[in-house]
N, C-alpha and C. Protein backbone atom coordinates (compact mmCIF):
# COMPACT_ATOMS: atom_id res chain seq x y z
N UNK A 1 -29.16 -16.63 10.95
CA UNK A 1 -31.04 -16.57 10.92
C UNK A 1 -30.88 -17.91 10.39
N UNK A 2 -31.63 -18.67 11.43
CA UNK A 2 -32.33 -19.85 10.15
C UNK A 2 -33.78 -19.73 9.52
N UNK A 3 -34.13 -20.82 8.24
CA UNK A 3 -34.94 -20.56 7.50
C UNK A 3 -36.37 -20.16 8.22
N UNK A 4 -36.38 -21.24 9.44
CA UNK A 4 -37.67 -21.41 10.17
C UNK A 4 -38.11 -19.89 10.58
N UNK A 5 -36.64 -19.21 11.23
CA UNK A 5 -37.05 -17.96 11.72
C UNK A 5 -37.47 -16.56 11.11
N UNK A 6 -36.49 -16.93 9.81
CA UNK A 6 -37.18 -15.85 8.53
C UNK A 6 -38.28 -15.69 8.34
N UNK A 7 -38.84 -16.94 8.00
CA UNK A 7 -40.20 -17.27 7.16
C UNK A 7 -41.31 -17.07 8.33
N UNK A 8 -41.01 -17.39 9.74
CA UNK A 8 -42.06 -16.52 10.79
C UNK A 8 -42.15 -15.14 10.72
N UNK A 9 -40.72 -14.61 10.60
CA UNK A 9 -41.16 -13.27 10.57
C UNK A 9 -41.67 -12.69 9.49
N UNK A 10 -41.27 -13.44 8.26
CA UNK A 10 -41.97 -13.16 7.32
C UNK A 10 -43.27 -12.83 7.10
N UNK A 11 -44.13 -13.80 7.67
CA UNK A 11 -45.57 -14.36 7.95
C UNK A 11 -46.02 -13.12 8.63
N UNK A 12 -45.18 -12.86 10.09
CA UNK A 12 -45.76 -12.15 10.83
C UNK A 12 -45.61 -9.86 10.17
N UNK A 13 -44.86 -10.17 9.51
CA UNK A 13 -44.89 -8.67 8.69
C UNK A 13 -46.04 -8.45 7.92
N UNK A 14 -46.30 -9.65 7.06
CA UNK A 14 -47.37 -9.46 5.88
C UNK A 14 -48.53 -9.50 6.73
N UNK A 15 -48.82 -10.70 7.71
CA UNK A 15 -49.72 -10.36 8.40
C UNK A 15 -50.24 -9.08 8.93
N UNK A 16 -49.30 -8.53 9.44
CA UNK A 16 -49.32 -6.86 9.93
C UNK A 16 -49.60 -6.28 8.97
N UNK A 17 -49.10 -6.06 7.94
CA UNK A 17 -49.35 -5.25 7.20
C UNK A 17 -50.77 -5.27 6.36
N UNK A 18 -51.30 -6.54 5.75
CA UNK A 18 -52.72 -6.11 6.07
C UNK A 18 -53.93 -5.98 6.75
N UNK A 19 -53.58 -6.74 8.21
CA UNK A 19 -54.28 -5.86 9.38
C UNK A 19 -54.40 -4.18 9.43
N UNK A 20 -52.72 -3.63 9.64
CA UNK A 20 -52.84 -2.21 9.19
C UNK A 20 -53.86 -1.47 7.89
N UNK A 21 -53.29 -2.36 7.14
CA UNK A 21 -54.20 -1.51 5.80
C UNK A 21 -55.46 -1.76 5.95
N UNK A 22 -56.11 -3.08 6.28
CA UNK A 22 -57.78 -2.58 6.86
C UNK A 22 -58.22 -1.89 7.80
N UNK A 23 -57.16 -1.55 8.77
CA UNK A 23 -57.79 -1.02 10.24
C UNK A 23 -57.70 0.39 9.30
N UNK A 24 -56.54 0.92 8.73
CA UNK A 24 -56.53 2.44 8.54
C UNK A 24 -57.53 2.92 6.83
N UNK A 25 -57.90 1.58 6.40
CA UNK A 25 -58.95 1.67 5.43
C UNK A 25 -60.27 1.93 5.71
N UNK A 26 -60.73 1.47 7.21
CA UNK A 26 -61.93 1.61 7.73
C UNK A 26 -62.15 2.81 8.31
N UNK A 27 -61.08 3.73 8.70
CA UNK A 27 -61.50 5.30 9.15
C UNK A 27 -61.88 5.99 8.19
N UNK A 28 -62.87 6.79 8.72
CA UNK A 28 -63.53 7.70 7.99
C UNK A 28 -62.57 8.93 7.80
N UNK A 29 -62.93 9.69 6.71
CA UNK A 29 -61.65 10.89 6.23
C UNK A 29 -61.52 12.06 8.00
N UNK A 30 -63.21 11.97 8.31
CA UNK A 30 -62.95 13.20 9.22
C UNK A 30 -62.52 12.83 10.53
N UNK A 31 -62.30 11.77 11.01
CA UNK A 31 -61.32 10.79 12.24
C UNK A 31 -59.90 11.08 11.71
N UNK A 32 -59.59 10.89 10.31
CA UNK A 32 -58.20 10.26 10.51
C UNK A 32 -57.20 11.19 10.70
N UNK A 33 -56.88 12.51 10.43
CA UNK A 33 -55.96 13.54 11.27
C UNK A 33 -55.96 13.33 13.19
N UNK A 34 -57.01 13.30 13.60
CA UNK A 34 -57.01 12.73 14.78
C UNK A 34 -56.43 11.73 15.54
N UNK A 35 -56.93 10.77 14.86
CA UNK A 35 -56.00 9.81 14.95
C UNK A 35 -54.31 9.29 14.62
N UNK A 36 -54.33 10.20 13.61
CA UNK A 36 -52.88 10.33 13.13
C UNK A 36 -51.89 10.54 14.63
N UNK A 37 -52.78 11.89 14.97
CA UNK A 37 -51.91 12.58 15.89
C UNK A 37 -51.58 11.73 16.92
N UNK A 38 -52.60 10.67 17.34
CA UNK A 38 -52.39 9.57 18.04
C UNK A 38 -51.37 8.44 18.35
N UNK A 39 -51.61 8.07 16.77
CA UNK A 39 -50.63 7.09 16.21
C UNK A 39 -48.50 7.81 15.93
N UNK A 40 -48.58 8.81 16.56
CA UNK A 40 -47.15 9.55 16.94
C UNK A 40 -46.89 8.88 18.21
N UNK A 41 -47.86 8.72 18.59
CA UNK A 41 -47.24 7.79 20.17
C UNK A 41 -46.27 6.56 20.07
N UNK A 42 -47.21 5.76 18.87
CA UNK A 42 -46.97 4.57 18.70
C UNK A 42 -45.68 4.60 17.92
N UNK A 43 -45.08 5.51 17.21
CA UNK A 43 -43.81 5.69 16.21
C UNK A 43 -43.29 5.88 17.00
N UNK A 44 -43.31 6.61 18.08
CA UNK A 44 -42.59 7.26 19.07
C UNK A 44 -41.64 5.88 19.25
N UNK A 45 -42.69 5.03 20.29
CA UNK A 45 -42.09 3.58 20.53
C UNK A 45 -41.37 2.71 19.76
N UNK A 46 -41.77 2.99 18.58
CA UNK A 46 -41.21 2.39 17.48
C UNK A 46 -39.68 2.54 16.90
N UNK A 47 -39.38 3.99 17.52
CA UNK A 47 -38.14 4.90 17.73
C UNK A 47 -37.27 3.93 18.50
N UNK A 48 -37.58 4.14 19.75
CA UNK A 48 -37.36 3.59 20.90
C UNK A 48 -37.12 1.90 20.85
N UNK A 49 -37.56 1.12 20.21
CA UNK A 49 -37.40 -0.25 19.69
C UNK A 49 -36.48 -0.43 18.67
N UNK A 50 -36.04 0.98 17.47
CA UNK A 50 -35.28 0.04 16.81
C UNK A 50 -33.93 0.84 17.21
N UNK A 51 -34.16 1.81 18.41
CA UNK A 51 -32.68 2.58 18.87
C UNK A 51 -32.11 1.03 19.69
N UNK A 52 -33.29 0.34 20.43
CA UNK A 52 -32.78 -0.89 21.05
C UNK A 52 -32.15 -2.15 20.28
N UNK A 53 -32.63 -2.18 19.27
CA UNK A 53 -32.41 -3.31 18.25
C UNK A 53 -30.94 -3.25 17.40
N UNK A 54 -30.55 -1.68 17.31
CA UNK A 54 -29.38 -1.17 16.14
C UNK A 54 -28.44 -0.89 17.46
N UNK A 55 -28.68 -1.06 19.04
CA UNK A 55 -27.20 -0.89 19.86
C UNK A 55 -26.36 -1.67 20.01
N UNK A 56 -26.88 -3.02 20.15
CA UNK A 56 -26.07 -4.02 20.05
C UNK A 56 -25.27 -4.13 18.73
N UNK A 57 -24.15 -4.51 18.49
CA UNK A 57 -23.57 -4.77 17.08
C UNK A 57 -23.20 -6.25 16.93
N UNK A 58 -24.28 -7.36 16.90
CA UNK A 58 -24.28 -8.52 17.29
C UNK A 58 -24.14 -8.76 15.53
N UNK A 59 -24.63 -7.66 14.85
CA UNK A 59 -24.25 -8.17 13.12
C UNK A 59 -24.62 -6.78 12.58
N UNK A 60 -24.35 -6.75 11.13
CA UNK A 60 -24.52 -5.56 10.40
C UNK A 60 -25.71 -5.47 10.13
N UNK A 61 -26.60 -6.44 9.66
CA UNK A 61 -27.94 -6.48 9.25
C UNK A 61 -28.78 -6.23 10.34
N UNK A 62 -28.70 -5.68 11.72
CA UNK A 62 -29.49 -5.65 12.76
C UNK A 62 -29.22 -3.93 12.73
N UNK A 63 -27.81 -3.42 12.28
CA UNK A 63 -27.84 -1.99 12.76
C UNK A 63 -28.48 -1.16 11.30
N UNK A 64 -28.14 -2.13 10.55
CA UNK A 64 -28.65 -1.43 9.24
C UNK A 64 -30.38 -1.29 9.25
N UNK A 65 -31.35 -2.68 9.67
CA UNK A 65 -32.31 -2.60 9.69
C UNK A 65 -33.37 -1.93 10.52
N UNK A 66 -31.73 -1.60 11.62
CA UNK A 66 -32.74 -0.82 12.75
C UNK A 66 -32.37 1.15 12.51
N UNK A 67 -30.99 0.92 11.92
CA UNK A 67 -30.92 2.46 11.07
C UNK A 67 -32.39 2.67 10.14
N UNK A 68 -32.72 1.86 9.32
CA UNK A 68 -33.47 2.26 8.44
C UNK A 68 -35.25 2.13 9.40
N UNK A 69 -35.08 1.21 10.32
CA UNK A 69 -36.68 1.75 11.33
C UNK A 69 -36.94 2.66 12.00
N UNK A 70 -35.68 3.59 12.16
CA UNK A 70 -35.33 4.51 13.25
C UNK A 70 -35.91 6.11 12.39
N UNK A 71 -34.97 5.79 11.10
CA UNK A 71 -35.17 6.87 10.00
C UNK A 71 -36.83 6.65 9.37
N UNK A 72 -37.33 5.94 9.30
CA UNK A 72 -39.21 5.69 8.57
C UNK A 72 -39.33 5.77 9.98
N UNK A 73 -39.63 5.91 11.09
CA UNK A 73 -40.31 6.12 11.93
C UNK A 73 -40.40 7.56 12.83
N UNK A 74 -39.14 7.95 12.16
CA UNK A 74 -38.94 9.58 12.79
C UNK A 74 -39.46 10.16 11.57
N UNK A 75 -39.14 9.72 10.23
CA UNK A 75 -40.49 10.69 9.13
C UNK A 75 -41.91 11.03 9.57
N UNK A 76 -42.46 9.50 9.77
CA UNK A 76 -43.93 8.92 10.54
C UNK A 76 -44.28 10.47 11.49
N UNK A 77 -43.07 10.15 12.54
CA UNK A 77 -43.37 11.02 13.88
C UNK A 77 -43.84 12.78 13.31
N UNK A 78 -42.26 12.99 12.66
CA UNK A 78 -42.12 14.72 12.35
C UNK A 78 -43.35 15.25 11.34
N UNK A 79 -43.89 13.94 10.38
CA UNK A 79 -45.21 14.27 9.31
C UNK A 79 -46.47 14.31 10.43
N UNK A 80 -46.37 13.27 10.92
CA UNK A 80 -47.41 13.61 11.94
C UNK A 80 -47.87 14.67 12.64
N UNK A 81 -46.81 15.17 13.15
CA UNK A 81 -46.79 16.51 13.96
C UNK A 81 -46.94 17.52 12.99
N UNK A 82 -46.56 17.54 11.95
CA UNK A 82 -46.93 18.88 10.93
C UNK A 82 -48.22 18.80 10.60
N UNK A 83 -48.52 17.38 10.26
CA UNK A 83 -50.24 17.32 9.77
C UNK A 83 -51.03 17.93 11.14
N UNK A 84 -50.82 17.99 12.28
CA UNK A 84 -51.18 17.81 13.49
C UNK A 84 -51.32 19.33 13.86
N UNK A 85 -50.58 19.81 13.35
CA UNK A 85 -50.48 21.18 13.71
C UNK A 85 -51.13 22.12 12.74
N UNK A 86 -51.12 21.29 11.42
CA UNK A 86 -52.06 22.36 10.30
C UNK A 86 -53.29 22.17 10.39
N UNK A 87 -53.41 21.16 11.31
CA UNK A 87 -55.11 21.10 11.53
C UNK A 87 -55.72 21.77 13.07
N UNK A 88 -54.81 21.99 13.55
CA UNK A 88 -55.07 22.76 14.49
C UNK A 88 -54.89 24.35 14.32
N UNK A 89 -54.48 24.57 13.35
CA UNK A 89 -54.25 25.85 12.82
C UNK A 89 -55.52 26.12 11.97
N UNK A 90 -56.29 25.23 11.47
CA UNK A 90 -57.25 25.74 11.01
C UNK A 90 -58.71 26.46 12.15
N UNK A 91 -58.62 25.51 13.30
CA UNK A 91 -59.61 25.85 14.25
C UNK A 91 -59.05 26.87 14.95
N UNK A 92 -57.87 27.84 15.14
CA UNK A 92 -57.70 28.94 15.64
C UNK A 92 -58.76 30.24 14.78
N UNK A 93 -58.54 31.06 15.83
CA UNK A 93 -59.69 32.21 15.29
C UNK A 93 -59.01 33.25 14.62
N UNK A 94 -59.41 33.53 13.52
CA UNK A 94 -58.61 34.84 12.83
C UNK A 94 -58.46 35.68 13.21
N UNK A 95 -57.24 36.94 13.21
CA UNK A 95 -57.60 38.25 14.13
C UNK A 95 -58.14 39.25 13.04
N UNK A 96 -58.95 40.16 13.63
CA UNK A 96 -59.56 40.85 12.51
C UNK A 96 -59.00 42.50 12.59
N UNK A 97 -58.39 42.56 11.18
CA UNK A 97 -57.48 43.85 11.01
C UNK A 97 -58.06 44.57 10.90
N UNK A 98 -58.04 45.98 11.97
CA UNK A 98 -58.60 47.33 11.93
C UNK A 98 -58.27 48.22 10.33
């Protein structure tokens, strides 16, 4: 990997981090959980992309970064589904015990 490629990749990562932070920061709390449910689909795409990148064993760094991306995206997907399930449980009607 050349220095120019590394520098441009780092620039894209930092720019994406700032944009993501600003977008998430502007979301009101009442919309955060429903939007998190939709973000699970994006994390699912990230898992597929990480699987593709870690597949060919061109170098050990791609395998390590791909594995790290898979683990982090799966944590995000599972956490998102747990939060969504908890939110949906709040809207279920309670059974009245006689």
